[in-house]
Amino acid sequence: MSDWTNTLRLVDSVDGGNVSCVCLPSVPQGVCLLHDGLAAVAQRYNQQIQFIRVDGDTLSLDKSINVKRPAMGLSACDSHLVVTYDFPGRVETITVDGRVIDEIDNQKAGKQVFKWPYFIATSNSGDIFVSDSGTSTIIQMDRTLRITRTFTSRMLKKPNGIVSVGTDQLLVANQNNKSIVVLNPTNDTVTPLLGQEDGIQQPRAMAWCPANKKLYVGSYGSQTTLSVFKVRKEH
């Protein structure tokens, strides 16, 4: 879990308690696990992606790589990283050494697709999903960053955190709607999951633990609270 105190925290998936932490050179944004023992963190106020070594309950800084500008969202796809940037919006696939493999922005797409592409997720099938809070859309791409579909809904209002669950659904945090919704890309349906009555306020970042079916939600404006929800039913 990343927070705006320049800290990356390792959280216990059973009780949600803090296990260990490590201080980063800049404010952390997107986090992803490349493989057991190695994670990567995008940093908001420098042009680097920091790798983190995970050894049991201990976190430590590993190498870092330079990117063209401060990164926002981060996801792992195969053995590569998929990175989002804002101002202007852009998505890149890069190697762990920082070499750009594929890239897409509004100019290459031939229209305005990206505005604030803050968060990103990769499904089990390898599809890449970007939540753009500036356009209130979810953008689906293949491994080569070719845009395949764009999802809109009245239930998607400033979407932020996005996580892939199983093979055919996504959980999306909506800051303005104060809700978590389920997006099923196979049939274009968007259904509610959690709302204000469940304690959702302005959700920003999320993490999903498939082992215990728990959803971890960090909210905008809150640096001290991590909400944990048990998701019991499948959609």
Protein backbone atom coordinates (compact mmCIF):
# COMPACT_ATOMS: atom_id res chain seq x y z
CA MET A 1 0.00 0.00 0.00
CA SER A 2 1.34 3.44 -0.92
CA ASP A 3 0.54 6.67 0.89
CA TRP A 4 1.49 10.31 0.51
CA THR A 5 4.03 10.25 3.34
CA ASN A 6 6.62 8.92 0.83
CA THR A 7 6.04 5.49 2.37
CA LEU A 8 5.26 2.06 0.97
CA ARG A 9 3.65 -0.25 3.51
CA LEU A 10 3.29 -4.02 3.65
CA VAL A 11 -0.16 -4.83 5.03
CA ASP A 12 -1.34 -8.08 6.65
CA SER A 13 -4.05 -9.57 4.43
CA VAL A 14 -5.81 -11.12 7.46
CA ASP A 15 -6.29 -8.18 9.83
CA GLY A 16 -5.20 -5.23 7.66
CA GLY A 17 -2.46 -4.27 10.09
CA ASN A 18 0.84 -2.70 9.09
CA VAL A 19 3.65 -5.29 8.87
CA SER A 20 6.56 -3.18 7.65
CA CYS A 21 7.31 -0.11 5.57
CA VAL A 22 10.03 1.56 3.54
CA CYS A 23 10.59 5.24 2.73
CA LEU A 24 10.79 6.25 -0.95
CA PRO A 25 12.56 9.17 -2.65
CA SER A 26 9.22 10.66 -3.75
CA VAL A 27 5.47 10.30 -3.26
CA PRO A 28 4.37 6.79 -4.37
CA GLN A 29 1.48 6.29 -6.79
CA GLY A 30 0.78 3.02 -8.61
CA VAL A 31 2.18 -0.22 -7.19
CA CYS A 32 2.41 -3.64 -8.78
CA LEU A 33 3.98 -7.01 -8.02
CA LEU A 34 6.22 -8.29 -10.81
CA HIS A 35 6.84 -11.68 -9.21
CA ASP A 36 7.38 -13.09 -5.75
CA GLY A 37 9.99 -10.96 -4.06
CA LEU A 38 9.93 -7.94 -6.37
CA ALA A 39 7.49 -5.03 -6.65
CA ALA A 40 7.58 -1.74 -8.56
CA VAL A 41 6.31 1.70 -7.55
CA ALA A 42 5.54 4.74 -9.70
CA GLN A 43 6.54 8.03 -8.05
CA ARG A 44 4.56 11.24 -8.42
CA TYR A 45 7.23 13.90 -8.16
CA ASN A 46 10.26 12.47 -9.88
CA GLN A 47 10.88 10.67 -13.15
CA GLN A 48 11.69 7.26 -11.73
CA ILE A 49 10.11 3.91 -11.08
CA GLN A 50 11.45 2.39 -7.88
CA PHE A 51 11.78 -1.37 -7.46
CA ILE A 52 11.17 -2.85 -4.02
CA ARG A 53 12.60 -6.11 -2.72
CA VAL A 54 10.13 -8.12 -0.61
CA ASP A 55 11.89 -10.59 1.69
CA GLY A 56 9.35 -12.19 4.01
CA ASP A 57 8.02 -9.33 6.13
CA THR A 58 10.78 -6.91 5.14
CA LEU A 59 10.72 -4.27 2.40
CA SER A 60 13.91 -2.71 1.02
CA LEU A 61 14.83 -0.43 -1.88
CA ASP A 62 16.20 -2.14 -4.99
CA LYS A 63 17.21 -0.47 -8.27
CA SER A 64 15.32 2.38 -9.93
CA ILE A 65 14.83 3.25 -13.60
CA ASN A 66 14.25 6.58 -15.29
CA VAL A 67 11.09 7.35 -17.27
CA LYS A 68 10.23 10.34 -19.47
CA ARG A 69 8.17 12.12 -16.82
CA PRO A 70 6.48 11.40 -13.49
CA ALA A 71 4.42 8.20 -13.74
CA MET A 72 0.96 7.60 -12.29
CA GLY A 73 -0.48 4.10 -12.77
CA LEU A 74 1.57 0.93 -12.93
CA SER A 75 0.75 -2.67 -13.80
CA ALA A 76 2.64 -5.82 -14.74
CA CYS A 77 1.96 -7.57 -18.05
CA ASP A 78 4.02 -10.64 -18.87
CA SER A 79 7.54 -9.64 -17.80
CA HIS A 80 7.03 -5.95 -18.61
CA LEU A 81 5.55 -2.88 -16.96
CA VAL A 82 2.62 -0.84 -18.27
CA VAL A 83 2.80 2.79 -17.15
CA THR A 84 0.34 5.70 -17.35
CA TYR A 85 1.18 9.40 -17.40
CA ASP A 86 -0.99 12.51 -17.26
CA PHE A 87 -0.64 16.05 -18.66
CA PRO A 88 -0.83 14.96 -21.43
CA GLY A 89 -2.28 11.46 -21.08
CA ARG A 90 -0.09 8.63 -22.29
CA VAL A 91 0.38 4.87 -21.77
CA GLU A 92 3.63 2.95 -22.32
CA THR A 93 4.81 -0.63 -22.07
CA ILE A 94 8.40 -0.70 -20.88
CA THR A 95 10.99 -3.29 -19.91
CA VAL A 96 12.28 -3.52 -16.35
CA ASP A 97 15.34 -1.66 -17.65
CA GLY A 98 13.23 1.27 -18.85
CA ARG A 99 13.21 0.60 -22.60
CA VAL A 100 9.93 1.59 -24.28
CA ILE A 101 8.30 -1.27 -26.23
CA ASP A 102 4.89 0.19 -27.11
CA GLU A 103 3.26 3.56 -26.53
CA ILE A 104 0.00 5.35 -27.20
CA ASP A 105 -1.25 8.90 -26.66
CA ASN A 106 -3.97 11.08 -28.15
CA GLN A 107 -1.85 11.99 -31.15
CA LYS A 108 -1.15 8.38 -32.04
CA ALA A 109 -4.79 7.40 -31.42
CA GLY A 110 -5.97 10.21 -33.70
CA LYS A 111 -8.46 11.53 -31.12
CA GLN A 112 -8.64 12.47 -27.46
CA VAL A 113 -8.76 9.19 -25.62
CA PHE A 114 -6.75 10.08 -22.52
CA LYS A 115 -7.04 13.03 -20.18
CA TRP A 116 -6.21 11.86 -16.66
CA PRO A 117 -5.34 8.15 -16.96
CA TYR A 118 -4.42 7.63 -13.32
CA PHE A 119 -4.95 3.91 -12.65
CA ILE A 120 -4.39 0.71 -14.61
CA ALA A 121 -5.04 -3.03 -14.27
CA THR A 122 -4.13 -6.14 -16.27
CA SER A 123 -6.57 -9.05 -16.47
CA ASN A 124 -5.65 -12.73 -16.35
CA SER A 125 -6.14 -12.88 -20.11
CA GLY A 126 -3.63 -10.08 -20.67
CA ASP A 127 -6.08 -7.29 -21.48
CA ILE A 128 -5.10 -3.88 -20.11
CA PHE A 129 -7.68 -1.54 -18.56
CA VAL A 130 -7.08 2.14 -17.81
CA SER A 131 -9.42 4.29 -15.73
CA ASP A 132 -9.48 7.89 -16.98
CA SER A 133 -10.99 10.16 -14.35
CA GLY A 134 -10.88 13.15 -16.70
CA THR A 135 -13.23 11.57 -19.24
CA SER A 136 -15.04 9.17 -16.83
CA THR A 137 -14.25 6.22 -19.07
CA ILE A 138 -12.56 2.83 -18.82
CA ILE A 139 -10.30 2.10 -21.79
CA GLN A 140 -9.49 -1.48 -22.79
CA MET A 141 -6.31 -2.30 -24.74
CA ASP A 142 -4.52 -5.42 -25.87
CA ARG A 143 -0.89 -6.28 -25.11
CA THR A 144 0.33 -4.02 -27.94
CA LEU A 145 -1.65 -1.07 -26.50
CA ARG A 146 -4.16 -1.16 -29.33
CA ILE A 147 -7.42 0.27 -28.04
CA THR A 148 -10.14 -2.35 -28.39
CA ARG A 149 -13.05 -0.87 -26.42
CA THR A 150 -14.11 2.11 -24.34
CA PHE A 151 -16.67 1.84 -21.54
CA THR A 152 -18.93 4.65 -20.33
CA SER A 153 -21.81 4.58 -17.86
CA ARG A 154 -23.77 6.96 -15.66
CA MET A 155 -22.32 4.91 -12.79
CA LEU A 156 -18.75 5.82 -13.80
CA LYS A 157 -18.04 9.28 -12.38
CA LYS A 158 -14.37 10.15 -12.04
CA PRO A 159 -13.18 6.52 -11.88
CA ASN A 160 -9.92 6.01 -10.04
CA GLY A 161 -8.64 2.71 -8.64
CA ILE A 162 -9.29 -0.35 -10.79
CA VAL A 163 -8.56 -4.02 -10.08
CA SER A 164 -9.11 -7.20 -12.08
CA VAL A 165 -11.08 -9.96 -10.34
CA GLY A 166 -11.18 -13.39 -11.93
CA THR A 167 -11.33 -13.56 -15.70
CA ASP A 168 -14.37 -11.47 -16.57
CA GLN A 169 -14.87 -8.58 -14.18
CA LEU A 170 -13.27 -5.42 -12.87
CA LEU A 171 -13.84 -3.48 -9.68
CA VAL A 172 -13.76 0.29 -10.18
CA ALA A 173 -13.61 3.02 -7.52
CA ASN A 174 -15.70 6.09 -8.35
CA GLN A 175 -14.64 9.18 -6.45
CA ASN A 176 -17.57 11.41 -7.43
CA ASN A 177 -20.22 8.69 -7.08
CA LYS A 178 -18.74 7.57 -3.75
CA SER A 179 -19.04 3.97 -4.81
CA ILE A 180 -17.32 0.79 -5.92
CA VAL A 181 -18.86 -0.82 -9.01
CA VAL A 182 -18.36 -4.04 -10.96
CA LEU A 183 -17.63 -3.73 -14.68
CA ASN A 184 -18.11 -6.88 -16.76
CA PRO A 185 -16.37 -6.27 -20.12
CA THR A 186 -17.95 -9.32 -21.73
CA ASN A 187 -21.47 -7.92 -21.61
CA ASP A 188 -20.89 -4.18 -20.97
CA THR A 189 -22.71 -4.24 -17.63
CA VAL A 190 -21.88 -1.98 -14.69
CA THR A 191 -23.44 -2.94 -11.36
CA PRO A 192 -23.08 -1.45 -7.85
CA LEU A 193 -21.03 -3.28 -5.22
CA LEU A 194 -20.34 -0.87 -2.33
CA GLY A 195 -21.65 2.62 -1.57
CA GLN A 196 -21.93 5.26 1.13
CA GLU A 197 -24.09 2.98 3.24
CA ASP A 198 -21.09 0.63 3.40
CA GLY A 199 -18.71 3.40 4.43
CA ILE A 200 -17.41 4.38 0.98
CA GLN A 201 -16.64 8.11 0.75
CA GLN A 202 -14.19 9.25 -1.93
CA PRO A 203 -12.41 6.03 -2.97
CA ARG A 204 -9.15 6.49 -4.83
CA ALA A 205 -6.88 3.41 -4.78
CA MET A 206 -7.73 -0.27 -4.33
CA ALA A 207 -6.09 -3.66 -3.94
CA TRP A 208 -7.74 -7.07 -4.21
CA CYS A 209 -6.69 -10.18 -2.27
CA PRO A 210 -8.15 -13.24 -4.06
CA ALA A 211 -7.15 -15.65 -1.29
CA ASN A 212 -9.57 -14.18 1.26
CA LYS A 213 -11.80 -12.19 -1.14
CA LYS A 214 -11.01 -8.91 0.59
CA LEU A 215 -10.93 -5.48 -1.02
CA TYR A 216 -8.61 -2.82 0.40
CA VAL A 217 -9.72 0.76 -0.31
CA GLY A 218 -7.76 3.97 0.23
CA SER A 219 -9.78 7.18 0.14
CA TYR A 220 -9.00 10.65 -1.14
CA GLY A 221 -8.08 13.03 1.64
CA SER A 222 -7.47 10.27 4.18
CA GLN A 223 -3.85 9.39 4.96
CA THR A 224 -4.54 7.31 8.06
CA THR A 225 -7.40 4.97 7.16
CA LEU A 226 -7.39 1.86 4.98
CA SER A 227 -10.86 0.35 4.67
CA VAL A 228 -11.17 -3.42 4.23
CA PHE A 229 -14.29 -5.05 2.76
CA LYS A 230 -15.20 -8.71 2.48
CA VAL A 231 -16.69 -9.34 -0.98
CA ARG A 232 -18.92 -12.38 -0.55
CA LYS A 233 -20.98 -12.73 -3.68
CA GLU A 234 -19.82 -13.06 -7.26
CA HIS A 235 -21.30 -10.80 -9.95
